[in-house]
Amino acid sequence: MAGTDAGAPGVLHGCLVREIELFVAAGVHPALALKSATIWAAEALGVGSETGLIGPGRRGDLLLLRRNPLQTSAALNEIRQVICGGKIAAFDSEHQIVGT
């Protein structure tokens, strides 16, 4: 499952996209690699009924990407917009979130 070893020696927080890319490079289908970081992670944490999927009554944040991550995991680095807590996030000139 992607993201579960963050904080271990040599594994930094914020490397989730790289982990997904490595899953795909190792032969994992892109859809399964994405599920490992979303719905399966939510289920493992016991919050699968409220997050991990997009749907009515669920909570979560959204990344809108420029390309389809099922075609290339590199698309996960091409963020077009972020919706965080139901609000559109603002970015600075270095593409860092500065507010919602």
N, C-alpha and C. Protein backbone atom coordinates (compact mmCIF):
# COMPACT_ATOMS: atom_id res chain seq x y z
N MET A 1 0.84 -1.16 0.00
CA MET A 1 0.00 0.00 0.00
C MET A 1 0.89 1.24 0.00
N ALA A 2 0.60 2.15 -0.87
CA ALA A 2 1.41 3.37 -1.00
C ALA A 2 1.25 4.27 0.21
N GLY A 3 2.37 4.84 0.66
CA GLY A 3 2.34 5.81 1.74
C GLY A 3 2.44 5.26 3.14
N THR A 4 2.42 3.95 3.30
CA THR A 4 2.38 3.39 4.65
C THR A 4 3.71 3.39 5.36
N ASP A 5 4.79 3.62 4.64
CA ASP A 5 6.10 3.59 5.30
C ASP A 5 6.70 4.98 5.50
N ALA A 6 5.91 6.03 5.26
CA ALA A 6 6.41 7.39 5.45
C ALA A 6 6.84 7.57 6.90
N GLY A 7 7.97 8.17 7.08
CA GLY A 7 8.51 8.38 8.41
C GLY A 7 9.53 7.33 8.83
N ALA A 8 9.61 6.24 8.08
CA ALA A 8 10.63 5.23 8.35
C ALA A 8 11.99 5.79 7.93
N PRO A 9 13.07 5.25 8.48
CA PRO A 9 14.40 5.77 8.10
C PRO A 9 14.59 5.77 6.58
N GLY A 10 14.96 6.92 6.05
CA GLY A 10 15.21 7.05 4.62
C GLY A 10 13.98 7.27 3.77
N VAL A 11 12.79 7.27 4.39
CA VAL A 11 11.54 7.48 3.64
C VAL A 11 10.90 8.77 4.13
N LEU A 12 10.90 9.78 3.30
CA LEU A 12 10.39 11.09 3.67
C LEU A 12 8.89 11.19 3.44
N HIS A 13 8.23 12.01 4.24
CA HIS A 13 6.83 12.36 3.96
C HIS A 13 6.81 13.16 2.67
N GLY A 14 5.74 13.06 1.93
CA GLY A 14 5.63 13.82 0.70
C GLY A 14 6.15 13.09 -0.53
N CYS A 15 6.44 11.81 -0.41
CA CYS A 15 6.98 11.04 -1.53
C CYS A 15 5.93 10.11 -2.14
N LEU A 16 4.65 10.37 -1.89
CA LEU A 16 3.61 9.47 -2.35
C LEU A 16 3.59 9.31 -3.87
N VAL A 17 3.74 10.41 -4.59
CA VAL A 17 3.74 10.32 -6.06
C VAL A 17 4.89 9.43 -6.52
N ARG A 18 6.05 9.58 -5.92
CA ARG A 18 7.19 8.74 -6.30
C ARG A 18 6.90 7.27 -6.03
N GLU A 19 6.25 6.98 -4.90
CA GLU A 19 5.90 5.60 -4.59
C GLU A 19 4.97 5.03 -5.65
N ILE A 20 3.97 5.80 -6.06
CA ILE A 20 3.05 5.34 -7.10
C ILE A 20 3.80 5.09 -8.39
N GLU A 21 4.71 5.99 -8.76
CA GLU A 21 5.52 5.80 -9.97
C GLU A 21 6.35 4.51 -9.88
N LEU A 22 6.90 4.23 -8.71
CA LEU A 22 7.68 3.01 -8.53
C LEU A 22 6.80 1.77 -8.62
N PHE A 23 5.59 1.82 -8.08
CA PHE A 23 4.66 0.70 -8.21
C PHE A 23 4.43 0.39 -9.69
N VAL A 24 4.15 1.45 -10.47
CA VAL A 24 3.87 1.29 -11.90
C VAL A 24 5.12 0.77 -12.62
N ALA A 25 6.28 1.30 -12.28
CA ALA A 25 7.52 0.83 -12.91
C ALA A 25 7.79 -0.63 -12.60
N ALA A 26 7.31 -1.09 -11.46
CA ALA A 26 7.50 -2.49 -11.07
C ALA A 26 6.46 -3.41 -11.69
N GLY A 27 5.53 -2.85 -12.47
CA GLY A 27 4.55 -3.67 -13.17
C GLY A 27 3.14 -3.63 -12.61
N VAL A 28 2.90 -2.85 -11.56
CA VAL A 28 1.55 -2.72 -11.01
C VAL A 28 0.74 -1.84 -11.97
N HIS A 29 -0.48 -2.27 -12.29
CA HIS A 29 -1.34 -1.49 -13.17
C HIS A 29 -1.59 -0.12 -12.52
N PRO A 30 -1.58 0.97 -13.32
CA PRO A 30 -1.77 2.31 -12.75
C PRO A 30 -3.04 2.45 -11.90
N ALA A 31 -4.13 1.82 -12.29
CA ALA A 31 -5.37 1.92 -11.50
C ALA A 31 -5.18 1.30 -10.12
N LEU A 32 -4.47 0.20 -10.06
CA LEU A 32 -4.22 -0.45 -8.77
C LEU A 32 -3.26 0.37 -7.92
N ALA A 33 -2.27 0.99 -8.55
CA ALA A 33 -1.33 1.85 -7.82
C ALA A 33 -2.07 3.04 -7.22
N LEU A 34 -3.01 3.62 -7.96
CA LEU A 34 -3.80 4.74 -7.44
C LEU A 34 -4.72 4.28 -6.31
N LYS A 35 -5.32 3.12 -6.47
CA LYS A 35 -6.18 2.60 -5.39
C LYS A 35 -5.39 2.35 -4.12
N SER A 36 -4.12 1.97 -4.27
CA SER A 36 -3.30 1.70 -3.08
C SER A 36 -3.06 2.97 -2.28
N ALA A 37 -3.18 4.13 -2.93
CA ALA A 37 -2.95 5.40 -2.24
C ALA A 37 -4.25 6.10 -1.85
N THR A 38 -5.39 5.53 -2.24
CA THR A 38 -6.67 6.20 -1.98
C THR A 38 -7.60 5.27 -1.20
N ILE A 39 -8.43 4.53 -1.91
CA ILE A 39 -9.46 3.74 -1.24
C ILE A 39 -8.87 2.64 -0.34
N TRP A 40 -7.83 1.97 -0.80
CA TRP A 40 -7.27 0.90 0.04
C TRP A 40 -6.60 1.47 1.28
N ALA A 41 -5.96 2.63 1.14
CA ALA A 41 -5.34 3.28 2.30
C ALA A 41 -6.42 3.71 3.29
N ALA A 42 -7.51 4.27 2.78
CA ALA A 42 -8.61 4.68 3.66
C ALA A 42 -9.21 3.48 4.40
N GLU A 43 -9.39 2.39 3.68
CA GLU A 43 -9.93 1.18 4.31
C GLU A 43 -8.98 0.65 5.38
N ALA A 44 -7.68 0.68 5.11
CA ALA A 44 -6.70 0.19 6.08
C ALA A 44 -6.70 1.04 7.35
N LEU A 45 -7.03 2.32 7.20
CA LEU A 45 -7.08 3.23 8.35
C LEU A 45 -8.44 3.21 9.04
N GLY A 46 -9.38 2.43 8.52
CA GLY A 46 -10.70 2.33 9.12
C GLY A 46 -11.63 3.49 8.81
N VAL A 47 -11.31 4.26 7.77
CA VAL A 47 -12.16 5.40 7.39
C VAL A 47 -12.69 5.25 5.96
N GLY A 48 -12.72 4.03 5.47
CA GLY A 48 -13.16 3.78 4.10
C GLY A 48 -14.60 4.13 3.82
N SER A 49 -15.43 4.23 4.86
CA SER A 49 -16.84 4.59 4.64
C SER A 49 -17.03 6.09 4.47
N GLU A 50 -16.01 6.88 4.81
CA GLU A 50 -16.17 8.33 4.72
C GLU A 50 -15.18 9.02 3.77
N THR A 51 -14.10 8.34 3.41
CA THR A 51 -13.10 8.95 2.54
C THR A 51 -12.46 7.88 1.65
N GLY A 52 -11.65 8.28 0.70
CA GLY A 52 -10.99 7.32 -0.18
C GLY A 52 -11.63 7.22 -1.55
N LEU A 53 -12.87 7.66 -1.65
CA LEU A 53 -13.62 7.70 -2.91
C LEU A 53 -14.32 9.03 -3.01
N ILE A 54 -14.71 9.42 -4.21
CA ILE A 54 -15.50 10.62 -4.41
C ILE A 54 -16.97 10.20 -4.43
N GLY A 55 -17.79 10.88 -3.64
CA GLY A 55 -19.21 10.56 -3.63
C GLY A 55 -19.96 11.36 -2.59
N PRO A 56 -21.30 11.36 -2.69
CA PRO A 56 -22.13 12.10 -1.73
C PRO A 56 -21.88 11.62 -0.30
N GLY A 57 -21.74 12.56 0.61
CA GLY A 57 -21.55 12.23 2.01
C GLY A 57 -20.12 11.88 2.38
N ARG A 58 -19.24 11.85 1.42
CA ARG A 58 -17.82 11.54 1.70
C ARG A 58 -17.05 12.84 1.80
N ARG A 59 -15.95 12.80 2.53
CA ARG A 59 -15.11 13.98 2.64
C ARG A 59 -13.75 13.68 2.02
N GLY A 60 -13.09 14.72 1.59
CA GLY A 60 -11.78 14.53 0.99
C GLY A 60 -11.39 15.71 0.13
N ASP A 61 -10.18 15.66 -0.32
CA ASP A 61 -9.63 16.70 -1.18
C ASP A 61 -9.46 16.12 -2.58
N LEU A 62 -9.43 16.99 -3.57
CA LEU A 62 -9.30 16.54 -4.95
C LEU A 62 -8.10 17.21 -5.62
N LEU A 63 -7.43 16.43 -6.46
CA LEU A 63 -6.41 16.97 -7.35
C LEU A 63 -6.97 16.88 -8.76
N LEU A 64 -6.99 17.98 -9.46
CA LEU A 64 -7.38 17.99 -10.87
C LEU A 64 -6.08 18.03 -11.66
N LEU A 65 -5.88 17.03 -12.49
CA LEU A 65 -4.61 16.87 -13.21
C LEU A 65 -4.75 17.28 -14.66
N ARG A 66 -3.64 17.63 -15.27
CA ARG A 66 -3.62 18.04 -16.67
C ARG A 66 -3.73 16.84 -17.62
N ARG A 67 -3.25 15.67 -17.15
CA ARG A 67 -3.31 14.46 -17.97
C ARG A 67 -3.87 13.32 -17.15
N ASN A 68 -4.19 12.25 -17.82
CA ASN A 68 -4.79 11.07 -17.20
C ASN A 68 -3.70 10.22 -16.52
N PRO A 69 -3.77 10.03 -15.19
CA PRO A 69 -2.75 9.23 -14.50
C PRO A 69 -2.83 7.74 -14.82
N LEU A 70 -3.90 7.31 -15.47
CA LEU A 70 -3.98 5.91 -15.90
C LEU A 70 -3.13 5.68 -17.14
N GLN A 71 -2.83 6.75 -17.87
CA GLN A 71 -1.98 6.65 -19.05
C GLN A 71 -0.52 6.85 -18.72
N THR A 72 -0.25 7.71 -17.73
CA THR A 72 1.13 7.94 -17.29
C THR A 72 1.10 8.43 -15.84
N SER A 73 1.87 7.77 -14.98
CA SER A 73 1.91 8.21 -13.58
C SER A 73 2.59 9.56 -13.44
N ALA A 74 3.31 10.01 -14.46
CA ALA A 74 3.92 11.34 -14.44
C ALA A 74 2.85 12.43 -14.35
N ALA A 75 1.63 12.11 -14.76
CA ALA A 75 0.53 13.08 -14.68
C ALA A 75 0.26 13.52 -13.25
N LEU A 76 0.63 12.70 -12.27
CA LEU A 76 0.40 13.06 -10.87
C LEU A 76 1.22 14.27 -10.45
N ASN A 77 2.23 14.61 -11.23
CA ASN A 77 3.04 15.80 -10.96
C ASN A 77 2.55 17.02 -11.74
N GLU A 78 1.48 16.85 -12.51
CA GLU A 78 0.96 17.93 -13.35
C GLU A 78 -0.38 18.39 -12.81
N ILE A 79 -0.35 19.01 -11.65
CA ILE A 79 -1.57 19.43 -10.97
C ILE A 79 -2.10 20.71 -11.59
N ARG A 80 -3.37 20.67 -11.96
CA ARG A 80 -4.01 21.85 -12.53
C ARG A 80 -4.72 22.65 -11.45
N GLN A 81 -5.34 21.96 -10.50
CA GLN A 81 -6.08 22.63 -9.44
C GLN A 81 -6.20 21.69 -8.25
N VAL A 82 -6.32 22.27 -7.06
CA VAL A 82 -6.53 21.51 -5.83
C VAL A 82 -7.79 22.03 -5.17
N ILE A 83 -8.64 21.12 -4.76
CA ILE A 83 -9.82 21.48 -3.97
C ILE A 83 -9.61 20.84 -2.61
N CYS A 84 -9.50 21.70 -1.61
CA CYS A 84 -9.15 21.27 -0.25
C CYS A 84 -10.24 21.75 0.71
N GLY A 85 -10.89 20.80 1.38
CA GLY A 85 -11.96 21.18 2.30
C GLY A 85 -13.11 21.88 1.61
N GLY A 86 -13.34 21.53 0.35
CA GLY A 86 -14.44 22.13 -0.41
C GLY A 86 -14.13 23.48 -1.01
N LYS A 87 -12.89 23.96 -0.86
CA LYS A 87 -12.51 25.26 -1.39
C LYS A 87 -11.37 25.10 -2.39
N ILE A 88 -11.37 25.94 -3.42
CA ILE A 88 -10.30 25.92 -4.41
C ILE A 88 -9.06 26.56 -3.80
N ALA A 89 -7.95 25.85 -3.87
CA ALA A 89 -6.70 26.32 -3.30
C ALA A 89 -6.03 27.34 -4.22
N ALA A 90 -5.33 28.28 -3.61
CA ALA A 90 -4.54 29.27 -4.35
C ALA A 90 -3.07 28.86 -4.30
N PHE A 91 -2.36 29.15 -5.38
CA PHE A 91 -0.94 28.80 -5.49
C PHE A 91 -0.09 30.04 -5.62
N ASP A 92 1.17 29.94 -5.15
CA ASP A 92 2.11 31.03 -5.37
C ASP A 92 2.89 30.77 -6.66
N SER A 93 3.88 31.62 -6.97
CA SER A 93 4.62 31.51 -8.22
C SER A 93 5.47 30.23 -8.29
N GLU A 94 5.72 29.59 -7.15
CA GLU A 94 6.49 28.33 -7.13
C GLU A 94 5.57 27.12 -7.00
N HIS A 95 4.30 27.32 -7.25
CA HIS A 95 3.28 26.28 -7.26
C HIS A 95 3.06 25.66 -5.88
N GLN A 96 3.28 26.44 -4.82
CA GLN A 96 3.01 25.99 -3.47
C GLN A 96 1.63 26.52 -3.06
N ILE A 97 0.85 25.70 -2.34
CA ILE A 97 -0.46 26.16 -1.88
C ILE A 97 -0.26 27.24 -0.83
N VAL A 98 -0.94 28.38 -1.03
CA VAL A 98 -0.82 29.49 -0.09
C VAL A 98 -2.13 29.80 0.63
N GLY A 99 -3.20 29.15 0.23
CA GLY A 99 -4.48 29.39 0.90
C GLY A 99 -5.63 28.77 0.14
N THR A 100 -6.76 28.70 0.81
CA THR A 100 -7.98 28.17 0.16
C THR A 100 -9.09 29.18 0.30
